[in-house]
PDB file of N, CA and C in Angstrom:
ATOM      1  N   MET A   1      82.709  53.627 -80.155  1.00  0.00           N
ATOM      2  CA  MET A   1      83.331  52.793 -79.164  1.00  0.00           C
ATOM      3  C   MET A   1      83.831  51.524 -79.851  1.00  0.00           C
ATOM      4  N   GLN A   2      85.087  51.188 -79.593  1.00  0.00           N
ATOM      5  CA  GLN A   2      85.693  50.024 -80.201  1.00  0.00           C
ATOM      6  C   GLN A   2      85.700  48.864 -79.212  1.00  0.00           C
ATOM      7  N   ARG A   3      85.294  47.700 -79.664  1.00  0.00           N
ATOM      8  CA  ARG A   3      85.310  46.506 -78.814  1.00  0.00           C
ATOM      9  C   ARG A   3      86.621  45.761 -79.028  1.00  0.00           C
ATOM     10  N   THR A   4      87.167  45.286 -77.938  1.00  0.00           N
ATOM     11  CA  THR A   4      88.403  44.525 -78.041  1.00  0.00           C
ATOM     12  C   THR A   4      88.189  43.128 -77.492  1.00  0.00           C
ATOM     13  N   GLY A   5      88.966  42.196 -77.947  1.00  0.00           N
ATOM     14  CA  GLY A   5      88.898  40.823 -77.447  1.00  0.00           C
ATOM     15  C   GLY A   5      87.904  39.989 -78.224  1.00  0.00           C
ATOM     16  N   THR A   6      88.057  38.714 -78.104  1.00  0.00           N
ATOM     17  CA  THR A   6      87.163  37.781 -78.787  1.00  0.00           C
ATOM     18  C   THR A   6      86.009  37.414 -77.866  1.00  0.00           C
ATOM     19  N   ALA A   7      85.034  36.738 -78.403  1.00  0.00           N
ATOM     20  CA  ALA A   7      83.901  36.296 -77.588  1.00  0.00           C
ATOM     21  C   ALA A   7      84.372  35.379 -76.479  1.00  0.00           C
ATOM     22  N   ALA A   8      85.367  34.553 -76.767  1.00  0.00           N
ATOM     23  CA  ALA A   8      85.889  33.640 -75.740  1.00  0.00           C
ATOM     24  C   ALA A   8      86.489  34.424 -74.581  1.00  0.00           C
ATOM     25  N   ASN A   9      87.171  35.514 -74.864  1.00  0.00           N
ATOM     26  CA  ASN A   9      87.769  36.332 -73.807  1.00  0.00           C
ATOM     27  C   ASN A   9      86.704  37.046 -72.989  1.00  0.00           C
ATOM     28  N   ARG A  10      85.656  37.511 -73.625  1.00  0.00           N
ATOM     29  CA  ARG A  10      84.615  38.242 -72.916  1.00  0.00           C
ATOM     30  C   ARG A  10      83.833  37.349 -71.977  1.00  0.00           C
ATOM     31  N   PHE A  11      83.709  36.069 -72.308  1.00  0.00           N
ATOM     32  CA  PHE A  11      82.921  35.167 -71.499  1.00  0.00           C
ATOM     33  C   PHE A  11      83.772  34.207 -70.671  1.00  0.00           C
ATOM     34  N   ALA A  12      85.065  34.447 -70.631  1.00  0.00           N
ATOM     35  CA  ALA A  12      85.949  33.581 -69.847  1.00  0.00           C
ATOM     36  C   ALA A  12      85.650  33.760 -68.365  1.00  0.00           C
ATOM     37  N   MET A  13      85.817  32.662 -67.610  1.00  0.00           N
ATOM     38  CA  MET A  13      85.564  32.718 -66.174  1.00  0.00           C
ATOM     39  C   MET A  13      86.648  33.537 -65.495  1.00  0.00           C
ATOM     40  N   ILE A  14      86.259  34.255 -64.474  1.00  0.00           N
ATOM     41  CA  ILE A  14      87.216  35.008 -63.672  1.00  0.00           C
ATOM     42  C   ILE A  14      87.974  34.014 -62.796  1.00  0.00           C
ATOM     43  N   GLN A  15      89.282  34.129 -62.775  1.00  0.00           N
ATOM     44  CA  GLN A  15      90.108  33.222 -62.000  1.00  0.00           C
ATOM     45  C   GLN A  15      89.924  33.480 -60.510  1.00  0.00           C
ATOM     46  N   PRO A  16      89.896  32.415 -59.674  1.00  0.00           N
ATOM     47  CA  PRO A  16      89.823  32.635 -58.226  1.00  0.00           C
ATOM     48  C   PRO A  16      91.088  33.346 -57.763  1.00  0.00           C
ATOM     49  N   PRO A  17      90.979  34.212 -56.764  1.00  0.00           N
ATOM     50  CA  PRO A  17      92.135  34.996 -56.343  1.00  0.00           C
ATOM     51  C   PRO A  17      93.257  34.154 -55.766  1.00  0.00           C
ATOM     52  N   GLU A  18      92.924  33.009 -55.197  1.00  0.00           N
ATOM     53  CA  GLU A  18      93.941  32.184 -54.575  1.00  0.00           C
ATOM     54  C   GLU A  18      93.419  30.755 -54.464  1.00  0.00           C
ATOM     55  N   THR A  19      94.283  29.789 -54.720  1.00  0.00           N
ATOM     56  CA  THR A  19      93.933  28.383 -54.552  1.00  0.00           C
ATOM     57  C   THR A  19      94.858  27.790 -53.508  1.00  0.00           C
ATOM     58  N   ILE A  20      94.265  27.140 -52.516  1.00  0.00           N
ATOM     59  CA  ILE A  20      95.034  26.541 -51.429  1.00  0.00           C
ATOM     60  C   ILE A  20      94.749  25.046 -51.415  1.00  0.00           C
ATOM     61  N   ARG A  21      95.803  24.241 -51.482  1.00  0.00           N
ATOM     62  CA  ARG A  21      95.670  22.789 -51.380  1.00  0.00           C
ATOM     63  C   ARG A  21      95.693  22.411 -49.906  1.00  0.00           C
ATOM     64  N   VAL A  22      94.715  21.598 -49.487  1.00  0.00           N
ATOM     65  CA  VAL A  22      94.583  21.218 -48.079  1.00  0.00           C
ATOM     66  C   VAL A  22      94.494  19.708 -47.956  1.00  0.00           C
ATOM     67  N   SER A  23      94.817  19.202 -46.759  1.00  0.00           N
ATOM     68  CA  SER A  23      94.816  17.755 -46.540  1.00  0.00           C
ATOM     69  C   SER A  23      93.546  17.252 -45.845  1.00  0.00           C
ATOM     70  N   LYS A  24      92.692  18.158 -45.384  1.00  0.00           N
ATOM     71  CA  LYS A  24      91.455  17.763 -44.703  1.00  0.00           C
ATOM     72  C   LYS A  24      90.262  18.361 -45.438  1.00  0.00           C
ATOM     73  N   SER A  25      89.123  17.654 -45.364  1.00  0.00           N
ATOM     74  CA  SER A  25      87.944  18.130 -46.096  1.00  0.00           C
ATOM     75  C   SER A  25      87.206  19.258 -45.378  1.00  0.00           C
ATOM     76  N   ARG A  26      87.512  19.499 -44.122  1.00  0.00           N
ATOM     77  CA  ARG A  26      86.897  20.614 -43.374  1.00  0.00           C
ATOM     78  C   ARG A  26      87.947  21.683 -43.186  1.00  0.00           C
ATOM     79  N   VAL A  27      87.679  22.885 -43.703  1.00  0.00           N
ATOM     80  CA  VAL A  27      88.635  23.987 -43.629  1.00  0.00           C
ATOM     81  C   VAL A  27      87.939  25.227 -43.082  1.00  0.00           C
ATOM     82  N   SER A  28      88.740  26.174 -42.633  1.00  0.00           N
ATOM     83  CA  SER A  28      88.188  27.462 -42.207  1.00  0.00           C
ATOM     84  C   SER A  28      88.868  28.567 -43.000  1.00  0.00           C
ATOM     85  N   CYS A  29      88.159  29.652 -43.181  1.00  0.00           N
ATOM     86  CA  CYS A  29      88.700  30.798 -43.913  1.00  0.00           C
ATOM     87  C   CYS A  29      88.268  32.075 -43.209  1.00  0.00           C
ATOM     88  N   ASP A  30      89.232  32.969 -42.995  1.00  0.00           N
ATOM     89  CA  ASP A  30      88.902  34.290 -42.449  1.00  0.00           C
ATOM     90  C   ASP A  30      89.374  35.410 -43.371  1.00  0.00           C
ATOM     91  N   GLY A  31      89.826  35.025 -44.560  1.00  0.00           N
ATOM     92  CA  GLY A  31      90.209  36.007 -45.557  1.00  0.00           C
ATOM     93  C   GLY A  31      91.509  36.726 -45.291  1.00  0.00           C
ATOM     94  N   SER A  32      92.221  36.328 -44.237  1.00  0.00           N
ATOM     95  CA  SER A  32      93.409  37.096 -43.868  1.00  0.00           C
ATOM     96  C   SER A  32      94.598  36.828 -44.790  1.00  0.00           C
ATOM     97  N   GLY A  33      95.096  35.621 -44.866  1.00  0.00           N
ATOM     98  CA  GLY A  33      96.252  35.349 -45.714  1.00  0.00           C
ATOM     99  C   GLY A  33      97.445  36.193 -45.315  1.00  0.00           C
ATOM    100  N   ASP A  34      97.816  37.139 -46.173  1.00  0.00           N
ATOM    101  CA  ASP A  34      98.976  38.005 -45.930  1.00  0.00           C
ATOM    102  C   ASP A  34      98.639  39.261 -45.143  1.00  0.00           C
ATOM    103  N   ILE A  35      97.369  39.464 -44.829  1.00  0.00           N
ATOM    104  CA  ILE A  35      96.967  40.659 -44.082  1.00  0.00           C
ATOM    105  C   ILE A  35      96.540  40.251 -42.679  1.00  0.00           C
ATOM    106  N   PRO A  36      96.510  41.177 -41.731  1.00  0.00           N
ATOM    107  CA  PRO A  36      96.043  40.830 -40.380  1.00  0.00           C
ATOM    108  C   PRO A  36      94.597  40.333 -40.408  1.00  0.00           C
ATOM    109  N   ALA A  37      94.287  39.376 -39.532  1.00  0.00           N
ATOM    110  CA  ALA A  37      92.943  38.785 -39.493  1.00  0.00           C
ATOM    111  C   ALA A  37      91.854  39.829 -39.299  1.00  0.00           C
ATOM    112  N   ALA A  38      92.159  40.910 -38.603  1.00  0.00           N
ATOM    113  CA  ALA A  38      91.170  41.961 -38.363  1.00  0.00           C
ATOM    114  C   ALA A  38      90.733  42.638 -39.668  1.00  0.00           C
ATOM    115  N   LEU A  39      91.534  42.516 -40.722  1.00  0.00           N
ATOM    116  CA  LEU A  39      91.187  43.140 -41.999  1.00  0.00           C
ATOM    117  C   LEU A  39      90.539  42.161 -42.967  1.00  0.00           C
ATOM    118  N   GLY A  40      90.342  40.924 -42.542  1.00  0.00           N
ATOM    119  CA  GLY A  40      89.744  39.900 -43.400  1.00  0.00           C
ATOM    120  C   GLY A  40      88.227  39.935 -43.328  1.00  0.00           C
ATOM    121  N   HIS A  41      87.621  38.772 -43.176  1.00  0.00           N
ATOM    122  CA  HIS A  41      86.170  38.655 -43.057  1.00  0.00           C
ATOM    123  C   HIS A  41      85.867  37.705 -41.903  1.00  0.00           C
ATOM    124  N   PRO A  42      84.603  37.574 -41.499  1.00  0.00           N
ATOM    125  CA  PRO A  42      84.282  36.638 -40.418  1.00  0.00           C
ATOM    126  C   PRO A  42      84.761  35.225 -40.761  1.00  0.00           C
ATOM    127  N   ARG A  43      85.263  34.512 -39.779  1.00  0.00           N
ATOM    128  CA  ARG A  43      85.733  33.142 -40.015  1.00  0.00           C
ATOM    129  C   ARG A  43      84.544  32.248 -40.353  1.00  0.00           C
ATOM    130  N   VAL A  44      84.690  31.514 -41.439  1.00  0.00           N
ATOM    131  CA  VAL A  44      83.676  30.553 -41.854  1.00  0.00           C
ATOM    132  C   VAL A  44      84.319  29.174 -41.964  1.00  0.00           C
ATOM    133  N   PHE A  45      83.538  28.145 -41.721  1.00  0.00           N
ATOM    134  CA  PHE A  45      84.006  26.770 -41.849  1.00  0.00           C
ATOM    135  C   PHE A  45      83.363  26.182 -43.094  1.00  0.00           C
ATOM    136  N   LEU A  46      84.173  25.584 -43.931  1.00  0.00           N
ATOM    137  CA  LEU A  46      83.732  25.067 -45.217  1.00  0.00           C
ATOM    138  C   LEU A  46      83.996  23.570 -45.293  1.00  0.00           C
ATOM    139  N   GLU A  47      83.150  22.861 -46.005  1.00  0.00           N
ATOM    140  CA  GLU A  47      83.297  21.414 -46.167  1.00  0.00           C
ATOM    141  C   GLU A  47      83.488  21.101 -47.650  1.00  0.00           C
ATOM    142  N   ILE A  48      84.589  20.427 -47.970  1.00  0.00           N
ATOM    143  CA  ILE A  48      84.851  20.014 -49.346  1.00  0.00           C
ATOM    144  C   ILE A  48      84.027  18.764 -49.617  1.00  0.00           C
ATOM    145  N   ASP A  49      83.260  18.793 -50.711  1.00  0.00           N
ATOM    146  CA  ASP A  49      82.375  17.667 -51.019  1.00  0.00           C
ATOM    147  C   ASP A  49      82.974  16.778 -52.110  1.00  0.00           C
ATOM    148  N   GLU A  50      82.123  16.022 -52.793  1.00  0.00           N
ATOM    149  CA  GLU A  50      82.584  15.064 -53.799  1.00  0.00           C
ATOM    150  C   GLU A  50      83.244  15.710 -55.010  1.00  0.00           C
ATOM    151  N   HIS A  51      83.116  17.023 -55.163  1.00  0.00           N
ATOM    152  CA  HIS A  51      83.777  17.717 -56.271  1.00  0.00           C
ATOM    153  C   HIS A  51      85.268  17.930 -55.999  1.00  0.00           C
ATOM    154  N   GLY A  52      85.672  17.794 -54.735  1.00  0.00           N
ATOM    155  CA  GLY A  52      87.088  17.903 -54.387  1.00  0.00           C
ATOM    156  C   GLY A  52      87.575  19.302 -54.093  1.00  0.00           C
ATOM    157  N   TYR A  53      86.682  20.287 -54.102  1.00  0.00           N
ATOM    158  CA  TYR A  53      87.075  21.660 -53.780  1.00  0.00           C
ATOM    159  C   TYR A  53      85.869  22.440 -53.286  1.00  0.00           C
ATOM    160  N   VAL A  54      86.154  23.572 -52.646  1.00  0.00           N
ATOM    161  CA  VAL A  54      85.101  24.471 -52.191  1.00  0.00           C
ATOM    162  C   VAL A  54      85.633  25.894 -52.257  1.00  0.00           C
ATOM    163  N   ASP A  55      84.753  26.858 -52.509  1.00  0.00           N
ATOM    164  CA  ASP A  55      85.123  28.271 -52.579  1.00  0.00           C
ATOM    165  C   ASP A  55      84.539  29.024 -51.396  1.00  0.00           C
ATOM    166  N   CYS A  56      85.319  29.937 -50.847  1.00  0.00           N
ATOM    167  CA  CYS A  56      84.830  30.788 -49.767  1.00  0.00           C
ATOM    168  C   CYS A  56      83.839  31.794 -50.350  1.00  0.00           C
ATOM    169  N   GLY A  57      82.691  31.921 -49.734  1.00  0.00           N
ATOM    170  CA  GLY A  57      81.674  32.851 -50.212  1.00  0.00           C
ATOM    171  C   GLY A  57      82.018  34.316 -50.008  1.00  0.00           C
ATOM    172  N   TYR A  58      82.958  34.596 -49.107  1.00  0.00           N
ATOM    173  CA  TYR A  58      83.366  35.979 -48.858  1.00  0.00           C
ATOM    174  C   TYR A  58      84.475  36.427 -49.801  1.00  0.00           C
ATOM    175  N   CYS A  59      85.561  35.671 -49.855  1.00  0.00           N
ATOM    176  CA  CYS A  59      86.756  36.146 -50.570  1.00  0.00           C
ATOM    177  C   CYS A  59      87.072  35.332 -51.822  1.00  0.00           C
ATOM    178  N   ASP A  60      86.270  34.316 -52.131  1.00  0.00           N
ATOM    179  CA  ASP A  60      86.444  33.467 -53.310  1.00  0.00           C
ATOM    180  C   ASP A  60      87.712  32.624 -53.293  1.00  0.00           C
ATOM    181  N   ARG A  61      88.374  32.542 -52.154  1.00  0.00           N
ATOM    182  CA  ARG A  61      89.546  31.674 -52.046  1.00  0.00           C
ATOM    183  C   ARG A  61      89.076  30.239 -52.268  1.00  0.00           C
ATOM    184  N   ARG A  62      89.822  29.484 -53.079  1.00  0.00           N
ATOM    185  CA  ARG A  62      89.446  28.108 -53.405  1.00  0.00           C
ATOM    186  C   ARG A  62      90.326  27.134 -52.626  1.00  0.00           C
ATOM    187  N   PHE A  63      89.677  26.163 -51.972  1.00  0.00           N
ATOM    188  CA  PHE A  63      90.378  25.128 -51.218  1.00  0.00           C
ATOM    189  C   PHE A  63      90.210  23.814 -51.980  1.00  0.00           C
ATOM    190  N   VAL A  64      91.338  23.183 -52.315  1.00  0.00           N
ATOM    191  CA  VAL A  64      91.338  21.935 -53.080  1.00  0.00           C
ATOM    192  C   VAL A  64      91.899  20.834 -52.197  1.00  0.00           C
ATOM    193  N   LEU A  65      91.190  19.719 -52.111  1.00  0.00           N
ATOM    194  CA  LEU A  65      91.613  18.589 -51.307  1.00  0.00           C
ATOM    195  C   LEU A  65      92.747  17.846 -52.013  1.00  0.00           C
ATOM    196  N   ILE A  66      93.882  17.714 -51.329  1.00  0.00           N
ATOM    197  CA  ILE A  66      95.039  17.019 -51.889  1.00  0.00           C
ATOM    198  C   ILE A  66      94.663  15.563 -52.144  1.00  0.00           C
ATOM    199  N   GLY A  67      94.895  15.111 -53.354  1.00  0.00           N
ATOM    200  CA  GLY A  67      94.559  13.745 -53.731  1.00  0.00           C
ATOM    201  C   GLY A  67      93.105  13.563 -54.125  1.00  0.00           C
ATOM    202  N   GLY A  68      92.316  14.613 -54.044  1.00  0.00           N
ATOM    203  CA  GLY A  68      90.902  14.542 -54.417  1.00  0.00           C
ATOM    204  C   GLY A  68      90.719  14.634 -55.920  1.00  0.00           C
ATOM    205  N   VAL A  69      89.477  14.545 -56.362  1.00  0.00           N
ATOM    206  CA  VAL A  69      89.184  14.540 -57.794  1.00  0.00           C
ATOM    207  C   VAL A  69      89.557  15.853 -58.486  1.00  0.00           C
ATOM    208  N   ALA A  70      89.631  16.944 -57.739  1.00  0.00           N
ATOM    209  CA  ALA A  70      89.962  18.241 -58.342  1.00  0.00           C
ATOM    210  C   ALA A  70      91.448  18.593 -58.219  1.00  0.00           C
ATOM    211  N   ASP A  71      92.234  17.707 -57.644  1.00  0.00           N
ATOM    212  CA  ASP A  71      93.656  17.987 -57.420  1.00  0.00           C
ATOM    213  C   ASP A  71      94.478  17.631 -58.654  1.00  0.00           C
ATOM    214  N   HIS A  72      94.227  18.359 -59.731  1.00  0.00           N
ATOM    215  CA  HIS A  72      94.980  18.126 -60.958  1.00  0.00           C
ATOM    216  C   HIS A  72      95.426  19.432 -61.593  1.00  0.00           C
ATOM    217  N   GLY A  73      95.279  20.541 -60.882  1.00  0.00           N
ATOM    218  CA  GLY A  73      95.788  21.819 -61.361  1.00  0.00           C
ATOM    219  C   GLY A  73      94.859  22.614 -62.245  1.00  0.00           C
ATOM    220  N   ALA A  74      93.703  22.081 -62.629  1.00  0.00           N
ATOM    221  CA  ALA A  74      92.815  22.797 -63.542  1.00  0.00           C
ATOM    222  C   ALA A  74      91.513  23.228 -62.875  1.00  0.00           C
ATOM    223  N   THR A  75      91.533  23.494 -61.565  1.00  0.00           N
ATOM    224  CA  THR A  75      90.300  23.865 -60.880  1.00  0.00           C
ATOM    225  C   THR A  75      89.830  25.261 -61.256  1.00  0.00           C
ATOM    226  N   THR A  76      90.665  26.059 -61.903  1.00  0.00           N
ATOM    227  CA  THR A  76      90.244  27.409 -62.277  1.00  0.00           C
ATOM    228  C   THR A  76      89.193  27.381 -63.373  1.00  0.00           C
ATOM    229  N   THR A  77      89.048  26.273 -64.078  1.00  0.00           N
ATOM    230  CA  THR A  77      88.031  26.191 -65.129  1.00  0.00           C
ATOM    231  C   THR A  77      86.737  25.580 -64.620  1.00  0.00           C
ATOM    232  N   GLN A  78      86.697  25.189 -63.358  1.00  0.00           N
ATOM    233  CA  GLN A  78      85.502  24.598 -62.784  1.00  0.00           C
ATOM    234  C   GLN A  78      84.649  25.688 -62.127  1.00  0.00           C
ATOM    235  N   PRO A  79      83.331  25.482 -62.048  1.00  0.00           N
ATOM    236  CA  PRO A  79      82.451  26.511 -61.483  1.00  0.00           C
ATOM    237  C   PRO A  79      82.674  26.697 -59.989  1.00  0.00           C
ATOM    238  N   ASP A  80      82.290  27.867 -59.494  1.00  0.00           N
ATOM    239  CA  ASP A  80      82.380  28.134 -58.062  1.00  0.00           C
ATOM    240  C   ASP A  80      81.440  27.202 -57.308  1.00  0.00           C
ATOM    241  N   ILE A  81      81.927  26.645 -56.202  1.00  0.00           N
ATOM    242  CA  ILE A  81      81.095  25.817 -55.334  1.00  0.00           C
ATOM    243  C   ILE A  81      81.262  26.335 -53.914  1.00  0.00           C
ATOM    244  N   ALA A  82      80.237  27.009 -53.420  1.00  0.00           N
ATOM    245  CA  ALA A  82      80.266  27.478 -52.037  1.00  0.00           C
ATOM    246  C   ALA A  82      79.851  26.326 -51.132  1.00  0.00           C
ATOM    247  N   SER A  83      80.307  26.332 -49.918  1.00  0.00           N
ATOM    248  CA  SER A  83      80.003  25.249 -48.988  1.00  0.00           C
ATOM    249  C   SER A  83      78.486  25.112 -48.831  1.00  0.00           C
ATOM    250  N   GLY A  84      78.014  23.898 -48.948  1.00  0.00           N
ATOM    251  CA  GLY A  84      76.593  23.641 -48.780  1.00  0.00           C
ATOM    252  C   GLY A  84      75.790  23.814 -50.054  1.00  0.00           C
ATOM    253  N   ALA A  85      76.417  24.305 -51.099  1.00  0.00           N
ATOM    254  CA  ALA A  85      75.706  24.503 -52.372  1.00  0.00           C
ATOM    255  C   ALA A  85      75.750  23.219 -53.181  1.00  0.00           C
ATOM    256  N   SER A  86      74.874  23.114 -54.141  1.00  0.00           N
ATOM    257  CA  SER A  86      74.903  21.967 -55.037  1.00  0.00           C
ATOM    258  C   SER A  86      74.802  22.468 -56.473  1.00  0.00           C
ATOM    259  N   LEU A  87      75.303  21.656 -57.382  1.00  0.00           N
ATOM    260  CA  LEU A  87      75.257  22.045 -58.798  1.00  0.00           C
ATOM    261  C   LEU A  87      73.974  21.603 -59.440  1.00  0.00           C
TER     262      LEU A  87
END
């Protein structure tokens, strides 16, 4: 069996499927997006904390607060933060 890729590639973080910039710190997610809501997940309400972003625990969609500390385009390198979790 041949291994491909470098150690950096093997341990790279998986990119969030979608990042949405929002203007309020309280957001809701039902996983629908481009699909009908019935095919998504239960609606959850998430609170963006001092990190400036939050990830949906169901679909991993990332919500970034516009003008917040994480609103600089590089949130894909930051760890997942589910609502109510702490680092």
